[in-house]
Protein backbone atom coordinates (compact mmCIF):
# COMPACT_ATOMS: atom_id res chain seq x y z
CA MET A 1 0.00 0.00 0.00
CA ILE A 2 1.35 3.41 -0.87
CA PRO A 3 1.11 5.69 2.18
CA MET A 4 -2.00 7.88 2.14
CA THR A 5 -3.56 9.99 4.86
CA LEU A 6 -7.09 9.36 6.08
CA ALA A 7 -8.08 12.71 4.55
CA GLU A 8 -6.64 11.68 1.16
CA ILE A 9 -8.47 8.36 1.21
CA ALA A 10 -11.68 10.10 2.21
CA ARG A 11 -11.44 12.37 -0.84
CA VAL A 12 -10.78 9.43 -3.16
CA VAL A 13 -13.70 7.30 -1.95
CA ASP A 14 -16.05 10.19 -1.08
CA ALA A 15 -16.17 9.30 2.62
CA ASP A 16 -17.16 11.21 5.73
CA LEU A 17 -14.68 11.06 8.61
CA HIS A 18 -16.16 9.95 11.94
CA ASP A 19 -14.32 9.83 15.28
CA VAL A 20 -11.12 10.86 13.50
CA THR A 21 -9.00 13.24 15.60
CA GLU A 22 -6.11 13.42 13.14
CA PRO A 23 -7.14 13.45 9.44
CA ARG A 24 -3.47 13.53 8.47
CA ALA A 25 -2.80 10.17 10.14
CA PRO A 26 -1.27 7.85 7.54
CA VAL A 27 -2.45 4.49 6.30
CA THR A 28 0.74 2.60 5.55
CA ALA A 29 -0.28 -1.07 5.35
CA PRO A 30 -2.70 -3.09 3.20
CA ALA A 31 -6.43 -3.38 3.81
CA ALA A 32 -8.19 -6.40 5.29
CA VAL A 33 -11.78 -7.61 5.54
CA ASP A 34 -10.98 -10.10 8.31
CA SER A 35 -10.21 -8.38 11.61
CA ARG A 36 -7.82 -11.23 12.46
CA GLU A 37 -5.67 -10.28 9.45
CA VAL A 38 -5.33 -6.56 10.23
CA THR A 39 -1.77 -5.28 10.17
CA PRO A 40 -0.64 -2.17 12.09
CA GLY A 41 -1.21 0.93 10.03
CA GLY A 42 -3.65 -0.78 7.70
CA LEU A 43 -7.29 -0.23 6.86
CA PHE A 44 -10.06 -2.53 8.07
CA ALA A 45 -12.98 -2.79 5.63
CA ALA A 46 -16.18 -3.60 7.53
CA VAL A 47 -18.07 -5.76 5.07
CA VAL A 48 -21.48 -7.23 5.83
CA GLY A 49 -21.44 -10.92 4.90
CA ALA A 50 -23.98 -13.70 4.98
CA GLN A 51 -22.90 -14.79 8.47
CA VAL A 52 -20.85 -11.93 9.93
CA ASP A 53 -21.11 -8.13 10.01
CA GLY A 54 -17.65 -6.62 9.93
CA HIS A 55 -18.88 -3.53 11.76
CA ASP A 56 -19.12 -5.66 14.91
CA TYR A 57 -15.34 -6.14 14.79
CA ALA A 58 -14.35 -2.53 14.11
CA ALA A 59 -13.19 -1.73 17.65
CA ARG A 60 -11.14 -4.93 17.80
CA ALA A 61 -9.47 -4.10 14.47
CA VAL A 62 -8.46 -0.62 15.63
CA ALA A 63 -7.21 -2.04 18.95
CA ASP A 64 -5.06 -4.43 16.92
CA GLY A 65 -3.48 -1.57 15.00
CA ALA A 66 -5.78 -0.59 12.13
CA ALA A 67 -5.41 3.09 11.34
CA ALA A 68 -9.15 3.36 10.65
CA VAL A 69 -12.22 1.47 9.49
CA LEU A 70 -13.85 1.74 6.09
CA ALA A 71 -17.50 1.42 7.12
CA ALA A 72 -21.09 1.97 6.05
CA ARG A 73 -21.97 3.61 9.39
CA PRO A 74 -20.18 5.18 12.37
CA VAL A 75 -18.62 2.50 14.59
CA GLY A 76 -17.27 4.44 17.58
CA VAL A 77 -13.65 4.32 16.41
CA PRO A 78 -11.89 6.24 13.60
CA ALA A 79 -13.84 5.51 10.44
CA LEU A 80 -14.29 6.57 6.84
CA VAL A 81 -18.02 6.20 6.28
CA VAL A 82 -19.22 5.48 2.74
CA GLU A 83 -22.45 4.28 1.15
CA ASP A 84 -20.96 1.04 -0.18
CA VAL A 85 -17.83 -0.45 1.40
CA GLN A 86 -17.19 -2.91 -1.44
CA ARG A 87 -17.45 -0.23 -4.09
CA ALA A 88 -15.21 2.11 -2.09
CA LEU A 89 -12.52 -0.57 -1.86
CA GLY A 90 -12.62 -0.90 -5.63
CA VAL A 91 -12.36 2.85 -6.13
CA LEU A 92 -9.42 3.06 -3.73
CA ALA A 93 -7.65 0.16 -5.44
CA ALA A 94 -8.09 1.71 -8.87
CA HIS A 95 -6.71 5.01 -7.58
CA VAL A 96 -3.66 3.36 -6.01
CA LEU A 97 -2.94 1.28 -9.12
CA ALA A 98 -3.11 4.38 -11.32
CA ARG A 99 -0.29 5.87 -9.22
CA LEU A 100 1.90 2.81 -9.68
CA GLU A 101 3.42 1.22 -12.77
CA PRO A 102 3.32 -2.56 -12.43
CA THR A 103 2.59 -4.86 -15.33
CA VAL A 104 -0.87 -6.27 -14.64
CA ILE A 105 -1.37 -9.91 -15.63
CA ALA A 106 -5.01 -10.98 -15.30
CA LEU A 107 -6.13 -14.58 -15.62
CA THR A 108 -9.44 -16.38 -15.66
CA GLY A 109 -10.91 -19.75 -16.58
CA SER A 110 -13.39 -22.33 -15.39
CA VAL A 111 -10.71 -24.50 -13.78
CA GLY A 112 -7.05 -24.12 -12.87
CA LYS A 113 -6.96 -20.40 -12.06
CA THR A 114 -5.41 -20.63 -8.62
CA THR A 115 -2.80 -23.24 -9.56
CA THR A 116 -1.80 -21.26 -12.66
CA LYS A 117 -1.59 -18.06 -10.65
CA ASP A 118 0.62 -19.78 -8.07
CA LEU A 119 2.89 -21.19 -10.79
CA LEU A 120 3.24 -17.84 -12.55
CA ALA A 121 4.05 -16.09 -9.29
CA GLN A 122 6.82 -18.62 -8.60
CA ILE A 123 8.28 -18.00 -12.06
CA LEU A 124 8.26 -14.21 -11.72
CA GLU A 125 9.25 -13.72 -8.08
CA PRO A 126 12.97 -14.45 -8.61
CA CYS A 127 13.03 -11.89 -11.43
CA ALA A 128 11.34 -8.86 -9.88
CA PRO A 129 9.03 -7.83 -7.01
CA THR A 130 5.72 -9.61 -7.61
CA ILE A 131 2.34 -9.42 -5.91
CA ALA A 132 -0.14 -12.22 -6.62
CA THR A 133 -3.66 -12.99 -5.46
CA ASP A 134 -3.70 -14.68 -2.07
CA ARG A 135 -5.42 -18.08 -2.09
CA SER A 136 -8.51 -17.62 -4.31
CA PHE A 137 -9.33 -14.02 -3.38
CA ASN A 138 -10.47 -13.29 -6.91
CA ASN A 139 -13.78 -11.45 -6.55
CA GLU A 140 -15.03 -7.91 -5.96
CA LEU A 141 -13.42 -7.87 -2.52
CA GLY A 142 -10.38 -10.06 -3.03
CA LEU A 143 -9.08 -8.28 -6.11
CA PRO A 144 -8.98 -4.78 -4.54
CA LEU A 145 -7.32 -6.22 -1.45
CA THR A 146 -4.61 -7.71 -3.68
CA VAL A 147 -4.08 -4.46 -5.57
CA LEU A 148 -3.75 -2.56 -2.29
CA CYS A 149 -0.78 -4.77 -1.38
CA ALA A 150 1.22 -3.24 -4.24
CA ASP A 151 3.77 -0.50 -3.68
CA PRO A 152 6.15 1.50 -5.89
CA ALA A 153 8.60 -1.43 -6.01
CA THR A 154 6.02 -3.85 -7.43
CA ARG A 155 6.83 -4.80 -11.02
CA TYR A 156 4.36 -7.62 -11.64
CA LEU A 157 0.79 -7.79 -10.36
CA VAL A 158 -0.69 -11.25 -10.98
CA LEU A 159 -4.45 -11.10 -10.53
CA GLU A 160 -6.72 -14.11 -10.55
CA MET A 161 -10.17 -12.93 -11.65
CA GLY A 162 -13.28 -14.99 -11.00
CA ALA A 163 -16.53 -14.63 -12.90
CA GLY A 164 -19.78 -15.91 -11.47
CA ARG A 165 -21.93 -13.85 -13.83
CA LYS A 166 -21.65 -11.85 -17.02
CA GLY A 167 -20.22 -8.43 -16.24
CA ASP A 168 -18.03 -9.57 -13.34
CA LEU A 169 -14.81 -9.41 -15.35
CA THR A 170 -15.74 -6.06 -16.84
CA TYR A 171 -16.06 -4.74 -13.29
CA LEU A 172 -12.79 -6.27 -12.11
CA THR A 173 -10.78 -5.12 -15.12
CA GLY A 174 -12.21 -1.65 -14.56
CA ILE A 175 -10.39 -1.66 -11.23
CA ALA A 176 -7.21 -3.25 -12.60
CA PRO A 177 -6.86 -2.88 -16.40
CA PRO A 178 -4.63 -5.71 -17.64
CA HIS A 179 -1.72 -5.58 -20.04
CA LEU A 180 -1.72 -9.38 -20.34
CA SER A 181 -4.99 -11.33 -20.24
CA LEU A 182 -4.64 -15.09 -19.80
CA VAL A 183 -7.70 -17.28 -20.47
CA LEU A 184 -7.36 -20.91 -19.42
CA ASN A 185 -10.53 -22.71 -20.48
CA VAL A 186 -14.32 -22.64 -20.71
CA GLY A 187 -16.22 -25.20 -18.68
CA ALA A 188 -19.39 -25.73 -16.70
CA ALA A 189 -18.41 -23.82 -13.56
CA HIS A 190 -21.07 -21.19 -12.70
CA ILE A 191 -22.95 -22.21 -15.83
CA SER A 192 -26.36 -21.72 -14.22
CA ARG A 193 -25.60 -18.06 -13.50
CA MET A 194 -24.30 -17.28 -16.96
CA GLY A 195 -27.16 -18.44 -19.15
CA GLY A 196 -26.96 -22.22 -19.10
CA GLY A 197 -24.58 -22.99 -22.00
CA LEU A 198 -20.84 -23.05 -22.63
CA ALA A 199 -21.21 -20.25 -25.17
CA ASP A 200 -22.62 -18.11 -22.34
CA VAL A 201 -19.64 -18.98 -20.15
CA ALA A 202 -17.30 -18.05 -23.01
CA ALA A 203 -19.10 -14.73 -23.44
CA ALA A 204 -18.45 -13.93 -19.78
CA LYS A 205 -14.83 -15.10 -19.76
CA GLY A 206 -14.09 -13.16 -22.95
CA GLU A 207 -14.63 -9.89 -21.12
CA LEU A 208 -11.05 -10.32 -19.93
CA VAL A 209 -9.59 -9.94 -23.43
CA GLU A 210 -11.99 -7.14 -24.32
CA ALA A 211 -10.35 -5.09 -21.56
CA LEU A 212 -6.93 -5.18 -23.24
CA PRO A 213 -5.34 -2.16 -24.94
CA PRO A 214 -4.09 -2.60 -28.53
CA ASP A 215 -0.52 -3.01 -27.28
CA GLY A 216 -1.55 -5.69 -24.79
CA TYR A 217 -1.42 -9.46 -25.14
CA ALA A 218 -4.24 -12.00 -25.17
CA LEU A 219 -2.84 -15.36 -24.08
CA LEU A 220 -5.28 -18.01 -25.26
CA ASN A 221 -5.48 -21.78 -24.84
CA ALA A 222 -5.06 -23.26 -28.32
CA ASP A 223 -6.64 -26.53 -27.17
CA ASP A 224 -9.98 -24.95 -26.22
CA PRO A 225 -12.07 -23.77 -29.22
CA TYR A 226 -14.16 -21.45 -27.05
CA VAL A 227 -11.00 -19.72 -25.84
CA VAL A 228 -9.41 -19.51 -29.29
CA GLY A 229 -12.62 -17.87 -30.50
CA MET A 230 -11.96 -14.94 -28.16
CA ALA A 231 -9.18 -13.71 -30.44
CA LYS A 232 -11.72 -11.80 -32.51
CA ARG A 233 -12.86 -9.87 -29.43
CA THR A 234 -9.65 -7.88 -29.02
CA GLN A 235 -7.18 -5.79 -31.00
CA ALA A 236 -4.37 -6.92 -28.72
CA ARG A 237 -1.62 -9.24 -29.88
CA ILE A 238 -2.44 -12.94 -29.67
CA VAL A 239 -0.24 -15.60 -28.07
CA LEU A 240 -1.50 -19.19 -28.27
CA TYR A 241 -0.37 -21.87 -25.86
CA GLY A 242 -1.21 -25.57 -25.57
CA THR A 243 -0.37 -28.91 -27.12
CA ALA A 244 -1.60 -27.95 -30.59
CA ALA A 245 1.14 -27.83 -33.22
CA GLY A 246 0.41 -24.18 -34.05
CA ALA A 247 0.71 -22.92 -30.46
CA HIS A 248 3.44 -20.34 -29.87
CA VAL A 249 4.16 -21.87 -26.46
CA ARG A 250 3.54 -25.61 -26.36
CA ALA A 251 4.30 -28.92 -24.70
CA GLU A 252 5.95 -31.79 -26.52
CA LYS A 253 7.03 -35.26 -25.34
CA VAL A 254 4.65 -35.29 -22.37
CA SER A 255 5.28 -38.18 -19.98
CA MET A 256 4.11 -39.21 -16.52
CA GLY A 257 6.67 -39.83 -13.79
CA ASP A 258 6.59 -41.06 -10.21
CA LEU A 259 3.46 -40.22 -8.20
CA ALA A 260 1.68 -39.14 -11.40
CA ARG A 261 3.83 -36.05 -11.82
CA PRO A 262 4.05 -34.95 -15.47
CA ALA A 263 7.09 -33.91 -17.45
CA PHE A 264 7.30 -32.29 -20.88
CA ASP A 265 9.47 -30.34 -23.28
CA LEU A 266 8.56 -26.65 -23.10
CA VAL A 267 8.82 -25.17 -26.58
CA THR A 268 8.80 -21.38 -27.04
CA PRO A 269 9.87 -19.14 -29.93
CA SER A 270 13.10 -18.49 -28.01
CA GLY A 271 14.05 -22.06 -27.16
CA ARG A 272 13.25 -25.44 -25.66
CA ALA A 273 13.75 -26.85 -22.16
CA ARG A 274 12.59 -29.86 -20.14
CA VAL A 275 10.06 -29.35 -17.33
CA GLU A 276 9.50 -31.90 -14.55
CA LEU A 277 6.54 -30.72 -12.50
CA GLY A 278 6.18 -31.26 -8.78
CA LEU A 279 2.38 -31.12 -9.15
CA ILE A 280 0.21 -34.20 -9.61
CA GLY A 281 -1.91 -35.02 -12.64
CA GLU A 282 -1.58 -34.69 -16.40
CA HIS A 283 -4.03 -31.77 -16.34
CA GLN A 284 -1.29 -29.69 -14.68
CA VAL A 285 0.52 -29.50 -18.02
CA ALA A 286 -2.10 -27.04 -19.29
CA ASN A 287 -1.75 -24.89 -16.17
CA ALA A 288 2.04 -24.89 -16.48
CA LEU A 289 1.84 -23.94 -20.16
CA ALA A 290 -0.47 -21.04 -19.36
CA ALA A 291 2.00 -19.71 -16.80
CA ALA A 292 4.84 -20.30 -19.26
CA ALA A 293 3.05 -18.34 -21.98
CA ALA A 294 2.74 -15.33 -19.68
CA ALA A 295 6.36 -15.57 -18.56
CA HIS A 296 7.57 -15.91 -22.16
CA THR A 297 5.56 -12.84 -23.18
CA LEU A 298 7.25 -10.94 -20.36
CA GLY A 299 10.67 -11.81 -21.78
CA LEU A 300 11.83 -14.82 -19.79
CA SER A 301 13.80 -17.55 -21.55
CA ALA A 302 12.63 -21.12 -21.93
CA GLU A 303 15.37 -22.24 -19.52
CA GLN A 304 14.34 -19.72 -16.85
CA ILE A 305 10.70 -20.74 -17.13
CA ALA A 306 11.44 -24.48 -17.11
CA ASP A 307 13.70 -24.23 -14.07
CA ALA A 308 11.09 -22.26 -12.13
CA LEU A 309 8.27 -24.62 -13.10
CA THR A 310 10.34 -27.63 -12.04
CA ALA A 311 11.04 -26.02 -8.68
CA ALA A 312 7.45 -24.83 -8.14
CA ARG A 313 5.32 -26.45 -5.46
CA PRO A 314 1.62 -26.19 -4.50
CA ARG A 315 0.82 -23.06 -2.51
CA SER A 316 -2.95 -23.04 -1.97
CA SER A 317 -4.71 -25.50 0.30
CA GLY A 318 -7.60 -27.71 -0.77
CA ARG A 319 -6.23 -28.36 -4.24
CA PHE A 320 -4.87 -31.89 -4.47
CA GLU A 321 -3.28 -31.41 -1.07
CA LEU A 322 -1.60 -34.62 0.15
CA PHE A 323 -1.44 -35.90 3.72
CA ASP A 324 0.40 -39.15 4.53
CA ARG A 325 -0.70 -40.87 7.73
CA PRO A 326 1.55 -43.09 9.88
CA ASP A 327 -0.49 -46.15 8.84
CA GLY A 328 0.36 -45.57 5.19
CA VAL A 329 -3.01 -44.04 4.26
CA THR A 330 -2.71 -41.07 1.88
CA VAL A 331 -5.48 -38.48 2.07
CA ILE A 332 -5.94 -36.11 -0.87
CA ASN A 333 -7.86 -32.93 -0.05
CA ASP A 334 -9.19 -31.54 -3.34
CA ALA A 335 -12.34 -30.13 -1.76
CA TYR A 336 -11.85 -26.41 -2.29
CA ASN A 337 -14.28 -26.54 -5.20
CA ALA A 338 -15.62 -28.79 -7.95
CA ASN A 339 -17.21 -28.76 -11.38
CA PRO A 340 -17.43 -31.48 -14.03
CA GLU A 341 -14.05 -30.65 -15.59
CA SER A 342 -12.13 -30.46 -12.32
CA MET A 343 -13.87 -33.58 -11.00
CA ARG A 344 -12.79 -35.60 -14.04
CA ALA A 345 -9.22 -34.32 -13.87
CA GLY A 346 -9.03 -34.93 -10.14
CA LEU A 347 -10.36 -38.48 -10.30
CA ARG A 348 -7.93 -39.43 -13.06
CA ALA A 349 -4.98 -37.93 -11.19
CA PHE A 350 -6.10 -39.71 -8.00
CA LYS A 351 -6.24 -43.07 -9.75
CA ALA A 352 -2.85 -42.52 -11.40
CA LEU A 353 -1.27 -41.52 -8.09
CA ALA A 354 -2.69 -44.56 -6.30
CA GLY A 355 -1.15 -47.06 -8.68
CA GLY A 356 -1.98 -50.48 -7.25
CA ARG A 357 -3.15 -49.23 -3.85
CA ARG A 358 -6.81 -49.47 -2.79
CA THR A 359 -8.77 -46.32 -3.65
CA VAL A 360 -11.56 -44.62 -1.70
CA ALA A 361 -13.35 -41.59 -3.22
CA VAL A 362 -15.37 -39.35 -0.90
CA LEU A 363 -17.37 -37.11 -3.23
CA GLY A 364 -19.92 -34.39 -2.59
CA GLY A 365 -21.87 -32.27 -5.03
CA MET A 366 -20.86 -29.90 -7.79
CA GLY A 367 -22.71 -26.62 -7.43
CA GLN A 368 -24.39 -24.40 -10.03
CA GLN A 369 -24.98 -27.05 -12.69
CA ALA A 370 -28.58 -25.96 -13.39
CA ASP A 371 -30.96 -28.43 -15.03
CA ALA A 372 -28.11 -30.70 -16.09
CA SER A 373 -26.91 -31.21 -12.52
CA ARG A 374 -28.26 -34.71 -11.93
CA ALA A 375 -26.96 -35.96 -15.30
CA ARG A 376 -23.51 -34.47 -14.68
CA HIS A 377 -23.30 -36.11 -11.26
CA ALA A 378 -24.33 -39.41 -12.83
CA GLN A 379 -21.45 -39.01 -15.30
CA VAL A 380 -19.08 -38.64 -12.36
CA GLY A 381 -20.42 -41.90 -10.92
CA ARG A 382 -19.89 -43.63 -14.24
CA LEU A 383 -16.28 -42.37 -14.37
CA VAL A 384 -15.63 -43.62 -10.82
CA ALA A 385 -16.67 -47.09 -11.96
CA GLU A 386 -14.79 -46.97 -15.26
CA LEU A 387 -11.56 -45.91 -13.55
CA GLY A 388 -11.78 -48.94 -11.28
CA ILE A 389 -11.99 -46.99 -8.03
CA ASP A 390 -12.65 -49.46 -5.22
CA VAL A 391 -14.94 -47.53 -2.86
CA LEU A 392 -17.22 -44.52 -3.36
CA ILE A 393 -18.76 -42.57 -0.49
CA ALA A 394 -21.29 -40.08 -1.91
CA VAL A 395 -22.03 -37.24 0.51
CA GLY A 396 -25.17 -35.14 0.38
CA ASP A 397 -28.50 -34.83 -1.35
CA ASP A 398 -30.00 -36.11 -4.60
CA ASP A 399 -27.15 -35.10 -6.92
CA PRO A 400 -24.37 -37.04 -5.15
CA ARG A 401 -26.78 -39.94 -4.79
CA ALA A 402 -27.19 -39.92 -8.57
CA ALA A 403 -23.44 -40.46 -8.79
CA ALA A 404 -23.68 -43.31 -6.30
CA LEU A 405 -26.53 -44.97 -8.20
CA GLU A 406 -24.71 -44.73 -11.53
CA ALA A 407 -21.49 -46.14 -10.06
CA GLU A 408 -23.40 -49.04 -8.52
CA ASN A 409 -25.43 -49.77 -11.64
CA ALA A 410 -22.30 -49.84 -13.81
CA GLY A 411 -21.59 -53.31 -12.44
CA LEU A 412 -17.82 -52.80 -12.49
CA GLY A 413 -17.13 -53.72 -8.90
CA VAL A 414 -17.10 -50.38 -7.05
CA THR A 415 -18.45 -50.59 -3.48
CA VAL A 416 -20.87 -47.71 -2.92
CA HIS A 417 -21.90 -45.99 0.32
CA THR A 418 -23.92 -42.82 0.93
CA ALA A 419 -23.67 -40.30 3.75
CA GLU A 420 -26.05 -37.51 4.66
CA ASP A 421 -23.40 -35.06 5.84
CA VAL A 422 -19.74 -34.54 6.65
CA PRO A 423 -19.77 -36.15 10.14
CA GLU A 424 -21.40 -39.28 8.74
CA ALA A 425 -18.88 -39.35 5.88
CA VAL A 426 -16.02 -39.16 8.38
CA ARG A 427 -17.47 -42.01 10.42
CA LEU A 428 -18.03 -44.15 7.34
CA ALA A 429 -14.60 -43.53 5.86
CA THR A 430 -12.83 -44.04 9.19
CA GLY A 431 -14.46 -47.42 9.55
CA LEU A 432 -13.69 -48.47 5.98
CA LEU A 433 -10.07 -47.36 5.64
CA GLU A 434 -7.28 -49.90 5.64
CA PRO A 435 -3.53 -49.27 5.96
CA GLY A 436 -2.08 -48.19 2.64
CA ASP A 437 -5.34 -46.85 1.14
CA VAL A 438 -5.50 -43.66 -0.91
CA VAL A 439 -8.49 -41.41 -0.15
CA PHE A 440 -9.66 -38.65 -2.51
CA VAL A 441 -12.02 -35.99 -1.11
CA LYS A 442 -13.70 -33.54 -3.50
CA ALA A 443 -16.82 -31.37 -3.75
CA SER A 444 -17.90 -27.79 -4.25
CA SER A 445 -16.89 -25.67 -1.28
CA GLU A 446 -20.43 -25.28 0.06
CA TYR A 447 -20.43 -29.00 0.93
CA GLY A 448 -17.65 -28.42 3.47
CA LEU A 449 -15.78 -31.61 2.61
CA SER A 450 -12.39 -30.06 3.40
CA ALA A 451 -13.34 -30.69 7.02
CA CYS A 452 -13.78 -34.37 6.14
CA ALA A 453 -10.34 -34.53 4.52
CA ILE A 454 -8.69 -32.81 7.47
CA ALA A 455 -10.42 -35.15 9.92
CA LEU A 456 -9.33 -38.22 7.96
CA ALA A 457 -5.78 -36.92 7.62
CA GLY A 458 -5.55 -36.59 11.41
CA SER A 459 -7.07 -39.99 12.21
């Protein structure tokens, strides 16, 4: 955060100062929406959520060092009072970014955003000061908070941008206009909110390339026809990445190593180098290529990119996170979120990792699948059976039970159980597990199955 006085911030966001004795007091640290994450000299944004009202924690935040509170009403401690806290955060972030000169790299996609963002950050950090989205803070609150972490030394600003509806990316790129826009893929995530079809999802994701200036770069997945089709929506320069022969940045000689970790030759216009990923699953090749395309566009050599990708490790929890128990059981927590594409990729990576060990899948629902939800869950059940997974525990309501029914009816030998909720799933899995098993836990975040994975990992 660049230092600004409370009076300066008030002018930028059109706020009234309440209980402020010194308007010239500086804000010198980033903003936070969680009072437990306030840093001395920072700004606490009192957001009203579904479960918690941030205004109730204003006094605690100031006691812990916040310079002031960005609030929708007076809170009895120094506050900048605005009509809309979320909007004010966005306005402040846009103002701060306009005073800085980082290269903004924005990325979106239906799956793989957080992993790609983490990979790209690990490539760029050794080269220059880099700020990247924390965890998956990619929405109307998370993006401004990330921008407000930047300072005059920041050279690269890597921003994961999520889109739950059409217009979301237009709003986010209005706060942080990109110079590089990286689009990973178009899938069924959030499909019910975007119109119900993949073309509707593509229309929403394509807002990211529409935000580019003519001298910017649209980095597009050559293996996804919906993404390639976005080229006509921008005057920016196009860089294609993927496994297709015509991709500017591509993978050749892909192979799978120990523990289902992929390796490939990274081919760029400036050279070729071998990458041996520390991430699990063949689907990680696409994420690595996306990060490589951005790094190449920024001027890094193939050797620099390959070395950084080989050294990179997972950073964000809940995404194929491995826990090895003393009894030889391996628990995989992939329960941060789920959609049909990520579920398929995760199950295949799980089976490849397990090798000849017994496999137990604990699966919840995939949210926002609209009228096709039951059919898509049934497809997951069919895949469980076809992959030869030994045990399926389906957790939740009708949709997961559709997966269970399909897996059972496939007649391919999978043992099927159902659980109403997370505690029952933990009890079931605990009773079923044998030393040496591999357990895969995945669902959309609203199912709360990360708690199941953590409980099983600690058993």
